[in-house]
Amino acid sequence: MTFPPQPTVGLTDRERQVLGLVADGHTDAEIAGMLTLSVYTVQNHVKSILRKLNARNRTQASTIYHQANMTNSSH
C-alpha cells in the first residue's frame, strides 16, 4: 500500500516540535519557555516551517499539521 507524502517530512525534529506547539495555539514566547529557547530562535523556526510547508501564516501551517496527523491516525 502506498501512502501520500506527508507534508511535514522536510521538517527537522525541532521544527516538528515547534509546529505542534504552534498548532496547539501557543505563542512564540510560550514555546520559547517550554523548550528553553530564545523567542528569536522560535521565530526563526516558525519562519523556516512556513517556508518549508509553503504556508502563508501560522494558521495555515497548523491546518497542515492537523491534517497530517489525521491522515497518520487513520492508517
PDB file of N, CA and C in Angstrom:
ATOM      1  N   MET A   1       0.842  -1.177   0.000  1.00  0.00           N
ATOM      2  CA  MET A   1       0.000   0.000   0.000  1.00  0.00           C
ATOM      3  C   MET A   1       0.892   1.247   0.000  1.00  0.00           C
ATOM      4  N   THR A   2       0.536   2.224  -0.799  1.00  0.00           N
ATOM      5  CA  THR A   2       1.298   3.463  -0.885  1.00  0.00           C
ATOM      6  C   THR A   2       0.550   4.572  -0.164  1.00  0.00           C
ATOM      7  N   PHE A   3       1.264   5.300   0.671  1.00  0.00           N
ATOM      8  CA  PHE A   3       0.673   6.413   1.398  1.00  0.00           C
ATOM      9  C   PHE A   3       1.089   7.718   0.727  1.00  0.00           C
ATOM     10  N   PRO A   4       0.229   8.733   0.783  1.00  0.00           N
ATOM     11  CA  PRO A   4       0.615  10.025   0.214  1.00  0.00           C
ATOM     12  C   PRO A   4       1.772  10.618   0.999  1.00  0.00           C
ATOM     13  N   PRO A   5       2.616  11.428   0.337  1.00  0.00           N
ATOM     14  CA  PRO A   5       3.730  12.043   1.065  1.00  0.00           C
ATOM     15  C   PRO A   5       3.212  12.923   2.195  1.00  0.00           C
ATOM     16  N   GLN A   6       3.898  12.875   3.304  1.00  0.00           N
ATOM     17  CA  GLN A   6       3.497  13.680   4.451  1.00  0.00           C
ATOM     18  C   GLN A   6       4.073  15.084   4.321  1.00  0.00           C
ATOM     19  N   PRO A   7       3.250  16.100   4.513  1.00  0.00           N
ATOM     20  CA  PRO A   7       3.718  17.471   4.308  1.00  0.00           C
ATOM     21  C   PRO A   7       4.763  17.934   5.313  1.00  0.00           C
ATOM     22  N   THR A   8       4.902  17.243   6.423  1.00  0.00           N
ATOM     23  CA  THR A   8       5.867  17.678   7.426  1.00  0.00           C
ATOM     24  C   THR A   8       7.182  16.909   7.340  1.00  0.00           C
ATOM     25  N   VAL A   9       7.360  16.081   6.318  1.00  0.00           N
ATOM     26  CA  VAL A   9       8.559  15.247   6.198  1.00  0.00           C
ATOM     27  C   VAL A   9       9.837  16.076   6.122  1.00  0.00           C
ATOM     28  N   GLY A  10       9.827  17.209   5.442  1.00  0.00           N
ATOM     29  CA  GLY A  10      11.030  18.017   5.276  1.00  0.00           C
ATOM     30  C   GLY A  10      11.433  18.821   6.500  1.00  0.00           C
ATOM     31  N   LEU A  11      10.659  18.731   7.564  1.00  0.00           N
ATOM     32  CA  LEU A  11      10.957  19.499   8.774  1.00  0.00           C
ATOM     33  C   LEU A  11      11.927  18.731   9.672  1.00  0.00           C
ATOM     34  N   THR A  12      12.745  19.486  10.395  1.00  0.00           N
ATOM     35  CA  THR A  12      13.617  18.864  11.389  1.00  0.00           C
ATOM     36  C   THR A  12      12.755  18.427  12.582  1.00  0.00           C
ATOM     37  N   ASP A  13      13.330  17.625  13.450  1.00  0.00           N
ATOM     38  CA  ASP A  13      12.601  17.208  14.651  1.00  0.00           C
ATOM     39  C   ASP A  13      12.183  18.413  15.481  1.00  0.00           C
ATOM     40  N   ARG A  14      13.082  19.373  15.624  1.00  0.00           N
ATOM     41  CA  ARG A  14      12.774  20.573  16.417  1.00  0.00           C
ATOM     42  C   ARG A  14      11.655  21.373  15.748  1.00  0.00           C
ATOM     43  N   GLU A  15      11.703  21.484  14.416  1.00  0.00           N
ATOM     44  CA  GLU A  15      10.649  22.215  13.714  1.00  0.00           C
ATOM     45  C   GLU A  15       9.300  21.520  13.889  1.00  0.00           C
ATOM     46  N   ARG A  16       9.275  20.196  13.851  1.00  0.00           N
ATOM     47  CA  ARG A  16       8.026  19.467  14.089  1.00  0.00           C
ATOM     48  C   ARG A  16       7.510  19.726  15.502  1.00  0.00           C
ATOM     49  N   GLN A  17       8.438  19.773  16.452  1.00  0.00           N
ATOM     50  CA  GLN A  17       8.070  20.047  17.840  1.00  0.00           C
ATOM     51  C   GLN A  17       7.469  21.448  17.959  1.00  0.00           C
ATOM     52  N   VAL A  18       8.126  22.427  17.356  1.00  0.00           N
ATOM     53  CA  VAL A  18       7.627  23.810  17.384  1.00  0.00           C
ATOM     54  C   VAL A  18       6.281  23.885  16.671  1.00  0.00           C
ATOM     55  N   LEU A  19       6.153  23.232  15.516  1.00  0.00           N
ATOM     56  CA  LEU A  19       4.896  23.257  14.776  1.00  0.00           C
ATOM     57  C   LEU A  19       3.758  22.673  15.608  1.00  0.00           C
ATOM     58  N   GLY A  20       4.026  21.596  16.315  1.00  0.00           N
ATOM     59  CA  GLY A  20       2.997  21.018  17.177  1.00  0.00           C
ATOM     60  C   GLY A  20       2.523  21.997  18.228  1.00  0.00           C
ATOM     61  N   LEU A  21       3.443  22.736  18.802  1.00  0.00           N
ATOM     62  CA  LEU A  21       3.080  23.730  19.815  1.00  0.00           C
ATOM     63  C   LEU A  21       2.351  24.920  19.190  1.00  0.00           C
ATOM     64  N   VAL A  22       2.774  25.324  17.992  1.00  0.00           N
ATOM     65  CA  VAL A  22       2.061  26.382  17.266  1.00  0.00           C
ATOM     66  C   VAL A  22       0.630  25.920  16.993  1.00  0.00           C
ATOM     67  N   ALA A  23       0.503  24.675  16.528  1.00  0.00           N
ATOM     68  CA  ALA A  23      -0.808  24.124  16.204  1.00  0.00           C
ATOM     69  C   ALA A  23      -1.696  24.007  17.439  1.00  0.00           C
ATOM     70  N   ASP A  24      -1.092  23.884  18.604  1.00  0.00           N
ATOM     71  CA  ASP A  24      -1.851  23.850  19.856  1.00  0.00           C
ATOM     72  C   ASP A  24      -2.220  25.251  20.337  1.00  0.00           C
ATOM     73  N   GLY A  25      -1.782  26.282  19.605  1.00  0.00           N
ATOM     74  CA  GLY A  25      -2.180  27.653  19.916  1.00  0.00           C
ATOM     75  C   GLY A  25      -1.235  28.439  20.790  1.00  0.00           C
ATOM     76  N   HIS A  26      -0.020  27.924  21.002  1.00  0.00           N
ATOM     77  CA  HIS A  26       0.939  28.623  21.861  1.00  0.00           C
ATOM     78  C   HIS A  26       1.616  29.779  21.117  1.00  0.00           C
ATOM     79  N   THR A  27       1.944  30.814  21.865  1.00  0.00           N
ATOM     80  CA  THR A  27       2.670  31.951  21.305  1.00  0.00           C
ATOM     81  C   THR A  27       4.162  31.617  21.231  1.00  0.00           C
ATOM     82  N   ASP A  28       4.902  32.446  20.495  1.00  0.00           N
ATOM     83  CA  ASP A  28       6.353  32.251  20.412  1.00  0.00           C
ATOM     84  C   ASP A  28       6.994  32.306  21.800  1.00  0.00           C
ATOM     85  N   ALA A  29       6.544  33.236  22.622  1.00  0.00           N
ATOM     86  CA  ALA A  29       7.105  33.369  23.972  1.00  0.00           C
ATOM     87  C   ALA A  29       6.819  32.127  24.810  1.00  0.00           C
ATOM     88  N   GLU A  30       5.612  31.594  24.706  1.00  0.00           N
ATOM     89  CA  GLU A  30       5.272  30.379  25.448  1.00  0.00           C
ATOM     90  C   GLU A  30       6.113  29.196  24.979  1.00  0.00           C
ATOM     91  N   ILE A  31       6.255  29.067  23.662  1.00  0.00           N
ATOM     92  CA  ILE A  31       7.058  27.980  23.100  1.00  0.00           C
ATOM     93  C   ILE A  31       8.507  28.108  23.557  1.00  0.00           C
ATOM     94  N   ALA A  32       9.026  29.326  23.529  1.00  0.00           N
ATOM     95  CA  ALA A  32      10.404  29.561  23.968  1.00  0.00           C
ATOM     96  C   ALA A  32      10.590  29.090  25.409  1.00  0.00           C
ATOM     97  N   GLY A  33       9.644  29.414  26.265  1.00  0.00           N
ATOM     98  CA  GLY A  33       9.729  28.995  27.662  1.00  0.00           C
ATOM     99  C   GLY A  33       9.650  27.484  27.814  1.00  0.00           C
ATOM    100  N   MET A  34       8.774  26.852  27.063  1.00  0.00           N
ATOM    101  CA  MET A  34       8.598  25.395  27.149  1.00  0.00           C
ATOM    102  C   MET A  34       9.834  24.634  26.674  1.00  0.00           C
ATOM    103  N   LEU A  35      10.463  25.159  25.621  1.00  0.00           N
ATOM    104  CA  LEU A  35      11.596  24.455  25.020  1.00  0.00           C
ATOM    105  C   LEU A  35      12.948  25.017  25.449  1.00  0.00           C
ATOM    106  N   THR A  36      12.945  25.988  26.337  1.00  0.00           N
ATOM    107  CA  THR A  36      14.156  26.651  26.807  1.00  0.00           C
ATOM    108  C   THR A  36      14.968  27.195  25.630  1.00  0.00           C
ATOM    109  N   LEU A  37      14.279  27.976  24.803  1.00  0.00           N
ATOM    110  CA  LEU A  37      14.897  28.644  23.654  1.00  0.00           C
ATOM    111  C   LEU A  37      14.627  30.132  23.768  1.00  0.00           C
ATOM    112  N   SER A  38      15.331  30.921  22.990  1.00  0.00           N
ATOM    113  CA  SER A  38      15.004  32.343  22.934  1.00  0.00           C
ATOM    114  C   SER A  38      13.803  32.531  22.001  1.00  0.00           C
ATOM    115  N   VAL A  39      13.078  33.608  22.210  1.00  0.00           N
ATOM    116  CA  VAL A  39      11.948  33.923  21.340  1.00  0.00           C
ATOM    117  C   VAL A  39      12.448  34.082  19.904  1.00  0.00           C
ATOM    118  N   TYR A  40      13.616  34.679  19.732  1.00  0.00           N
ATOM    119  CA  TYR A  40      14.196  34.863  18.401  1.00  0.00           C
ATOM    120  C   TYR A  40      14.396  33.515  17.712  1.00  0.00           C
ATOM    121  N   THR A  41      14.885  32.519  18.436  1.00  0.00           N
ATOM    122  CA  THR A  41      15.101  31.191  17.865  1.00  0.00           C
ATOM    123  C   THR A  41      13.774  30.565  17.457  1.00  0.00           C
ATOM    124  N   VAL A  42      12.758  30.706  18.291  1.00  0.00           N
ATOM    125  CA  VAL A  42      11.431  30.176  17.957  1.00  0.00           C
ATOM    126  C   VAL A  42      10.908  30.873  16.701  1.00  0.00           C
ATOM    127  N   GLN A  43      11.061  32.177  16.626  1.00  0.00           N
ATOM    128  CA  GLN A  43      10.607  32.916  15.447  1.00  0.00           C
ATOM    129  C   GLN A  43      11.317  32.420  14.190  1.00  0.00           C
ATOM    130  N   ASN A  44      12.602  32.121  14.296  1.00  0.00           N
ATOM    131  CA  ASN A  44      13.335  31.584  13.148  1.00  0.00           C
ATOM    132  C   ASN A  44      12.812  30.204  12.750  1.00  0.00           C
ATOM    133  N   HIS A  45      12.515  29.380  13.741  1.00  0.00           N
ATOM    134  CA  HIS A  45      11.934  28.061  13.453  1.00  0.00           C
ATOM    135  C   HIS A  45      10.589  28.218  12.738  1.00  0.00           C
ATOM    136  N   VAL A  46       9.755  29.127  13.230  1.00  0.00           N
ATOM    137  CA  VAL A  46       8.438  29.339  12.624  1.00  0.00           C
ATOM    138  C   VAL A  46       8.593  29.823  11.180  1.00  0.00           C
ATOM    139  N   LYS A  47       9.505  30.741  10.934  1.00  0.00           N
ATOM    140  CA  LYS A  47       9.744  31.218   9.557  1.00  0.00           C
ATOM    141  C   LYS A  47      10.174  30.067   8.654  1.00  0.00           C
ATOM    142  N   SER A  48      11.054  29.225   9.163  1.00  0.00           N
ATOM    143  CA  SER A  48      11.525  28.081   8.398  1.00  0.00           C
ATOM    144  C   SER A  48      10.384  27.104   8.114  1.00  0.00           C
ATOM    145  N   ILE A  49       9.550  26.863   9.108  1.00  0.00           N
ATOM    146  CA  ILE A  49       8.396  25.969   8.958  1.00  0.00           C
ATOM    147  C   ILE A  49       7.457  26.509   7.876  1.00  0.00           C
ATOM    148  N   LEU A  50       7.147  27.784   7.954  1.00  0.00           N
ATOM    149  CA  LEU A  50       6.248  28.391   6.968  1.00  0.00           C
ATOM    150  C   LEU A  50       6.817  28.255   5.557  1.00  0.00           C
ATOM    151  N   ARG A  51       8.109  28.484   5.431  1.00  0.00           N
ATOM    152  CA  ARG A  51       8.750  28.376   4.120  1.00  0.00           C
ATOM    153  C   ARG A  51       8.703  26.937   3.613  1.00  0.00           C
ATOM    154  N   LYS A  52       9.059  25.996   4.461  1.00  0.00           N
ATOM    155  CA  LYS A  52       9.112  24.590   4.051  1.00  0.00           C
ATOM    156  C   LYS A  52       7.733  24.017   3.736  1.00  0.00           C
ATOM    157  N   LEU A  53       6.713  24.469   4.450  1.00  0.00           N
ATOM    158  CA  LEU A  53       5.356  23.990   4.212  1.00  0.00           C
ATOM    159  C   LEU A  53       4.632  24.806   3.153  1.00  0.00           C
ATOM    160  N   ASN A  54       5.291  25.867   2.684  1.00  0.00           N
ATOM    161  CA  ASN A  54       4.679  26.792   1.727  1.00  0.00           C
ATOM    162  C   ASN A  54       3.358  27.336   2.301  1.00  0.00           C
ATOM    163  N   ALA A  55       3.407  27.655   3.583  1.00  0.00           N
ATOM    164  CA  ALA A  55       2.231  28.179   4.280  1.00  0.00           C
ATOM    165  C   ALA A  55       2.345  29.693   4.391  1.00  0.00           C
ATOM    166  N   ARG A  56       1.221  30.365   4.280  1.00  0.00           N
ATOM    167  CA  ARG A  56       1.222  31.827   4.356  1.00  0.00           C
ATOM    168  C   ARG A  56       1.300  32.353   5.776  1.00  0.00           C
ATOM    169  N   ASN A  57       0.806  31.548   6.731  1.00  0.00           N
ATOM    170  CA  ASN A  57       0.767  32.018   8.113  1.00  0.00           C
ATOM    171  C   ASN A  57       0.691  30.829   9.067  1.00  0.00           C
ATOM    172  N   ARG A  58       0.690  31.127  10.361  1.00  0.00           N
ATOM    173  CA  ARG A  58       0.666  30.093  11.401  1.00  0.00           C
ATOM    174  C   ARG A  58      -0.606  29.259  11.330  1.00  0.00           C
ATOM    175  N   THR A  59      -1.709  29.900  10.985  1.00  0.00           N
ATOM    176  CA  THR A  59      -2.982  29.180  10.904  1.00  0.00           C
ATOM    177  C   THR A  59      -2.938  28.126   9.807  1.00  0.00           C
ATOM    178  N   GLN A  60      -2.408  28.500   8.657  1.00  0.00           N
ATOM    179  CA  GLN A  60      -2.315  27.548   7.560  1.00  0.00           C
ATOM    180  C   GLN A  60      -1.344  26.415   7.920  1.00  0.00           C
ATOM    181  N   ALA A  61      -0.237  26.736   8.551  1.00  0.00           N
ATOM    182  CA  ALA A  61       0.716  25.707   8.980  1.00  0.00           C
ATOM    183  C   ALA A  61       0.065  24.770   9.995  1.00  0.00           C
ATOM    184  N   SER A  62      -0.740  25.313  10.897  1.00  0.00           N
ATOM    185  CA  SER A  62      -1.445  24.497  11.889  1.00  0.00           C
ATOM    186  C   SER A  62      -2.438  23.556  11.209  1.00  0.00           C
ATOM    187  N   THR A  63      -3.122  24.046  10.204  1.00  0.00           N
ATOM    188  CA  THR A  63      -4.068  23.219   9.456  1.00  0.00           C
ATOM    189  C   THR A  63      -3.345  22.066   8.778  1.00  0.00           C
ATOM    190  N   ILE A  64      -2.204  22.354   8.163  1.00  0.00           N
ATOM    191  CA  ILE A  64      -1.398  21.317   7.519  1.00  0.00           C
ATOM    192  C   ILE A  64      -0.979  20.271   8.551  1.00  0.00           C
ATOM    193  N   TYR A  65      -0.553  20.737   9.706  1.00  0.00           N
ATOM    194  CA  TYR A  65      -0.131  19.839  10.785  1.00  0.00           C
ATOM    195  C   TYR A  65      -1.282  18.923  11.215  1.00  0.00           C
ATOM    196  N   HIS A  66      -2.453  19.510  11.457  1.00  0.00           N
ATOM    197  CA  HIS A  66      -3.587  18.717  11.925  1.00  0.00           C
ATOM    198  C   HIS A  66      -4.070  17.738  10.850  1.00  0.00           C
ATOM    199  N   GLN A  67      -4.045  18.159   9.588  1.00  0.00           N
ATOM    200  CA  GLN A  67      -4.437  17.261   8.504  1.00  0.00           C
ATOM    201  C   GLN A  67      -3.458  16.089   8.403  1.00  0.00           C
ATOM    202  N   ALA A  68      -2.179  16.361   8.559  1.00  0.00           N
ATOM    203  CA  ALA A  68      -1.172  15.295   8.502  1.00  0.00           C
ATOM    204  C   ALA A  68      -1.379  14.319   9.647  1.00  0.00           C
ATOM    205  N   ASN A  69      -1.710  14.824  10.828  1.00  0.00           N
ATOM    206  CA  ASN A  69      -1.942  13.956  11.983  1.00  0.00           C
ATOM    207  C   ASN A  69      -3.208  13.130  11.824  1.00  0.00           C
ATOM    208  N   MET A  70      -4.235  13.708  11.199  1.00  0.00           N
ATOM    209  CA  MET A  70      -5.458  12.963  10.944  1.00  0.00           C
ATOM    210  C   MET A  70      -5.193  11.846   9.942  1.00  0.00           C
ATOM    211  N   THR A  71      -4.390  12.135   8.929  1.00  0.00           N
ATOM    212  CA  THR A  71      -4.055  11.143   7.920  1.00  0.00           C
ATOM    213  C   THR A  71      -3.256  10.014   8.556  1.00  0.00           C
ATOM    214  N   ASN A  72      -2.295  10.355   9.407  1.00  0.00           N
ATOM    215  CA  ASN A  72      -1.468   9.348  10.071  1.00  0.00           C
ATOM    216  C   ASN A  72      -2.291   8.463  10.997  1.00  0.00           C
ATOM    217  N   SER A  73      -3.262   9.035  11.686  1.00  0.00           N
ATOM    218  CA  SER A  73      -4.033   8.252  12.651  1.00  0.00           C
ATOM    219  C   SER A  73      -5.064   7.365  11.981  1.00  0.00           C
ATOM    220  N   SER A  74      -5.381   7.633  10.713  1.00  0.00           N
ATOM    221  CA  SER A  74      -6.388   6.821  10.032  1.00  0.00           C
ATOM    222  C   SER A  74      -5.779   5.587   9.366  1.00  0.00           C
ATOM    223  N   HIS A  75      -4.450   5.459   9.383  1.00  0.00           N
ATOM    224  CA  HIS A  75      -3.801   4.300   8.746  1.00  0.00           C
ATOM    225  C   HIS A  75      -3.357   3.318   9.785  1.00  0.00           C
TER     226      HIS A  75
END
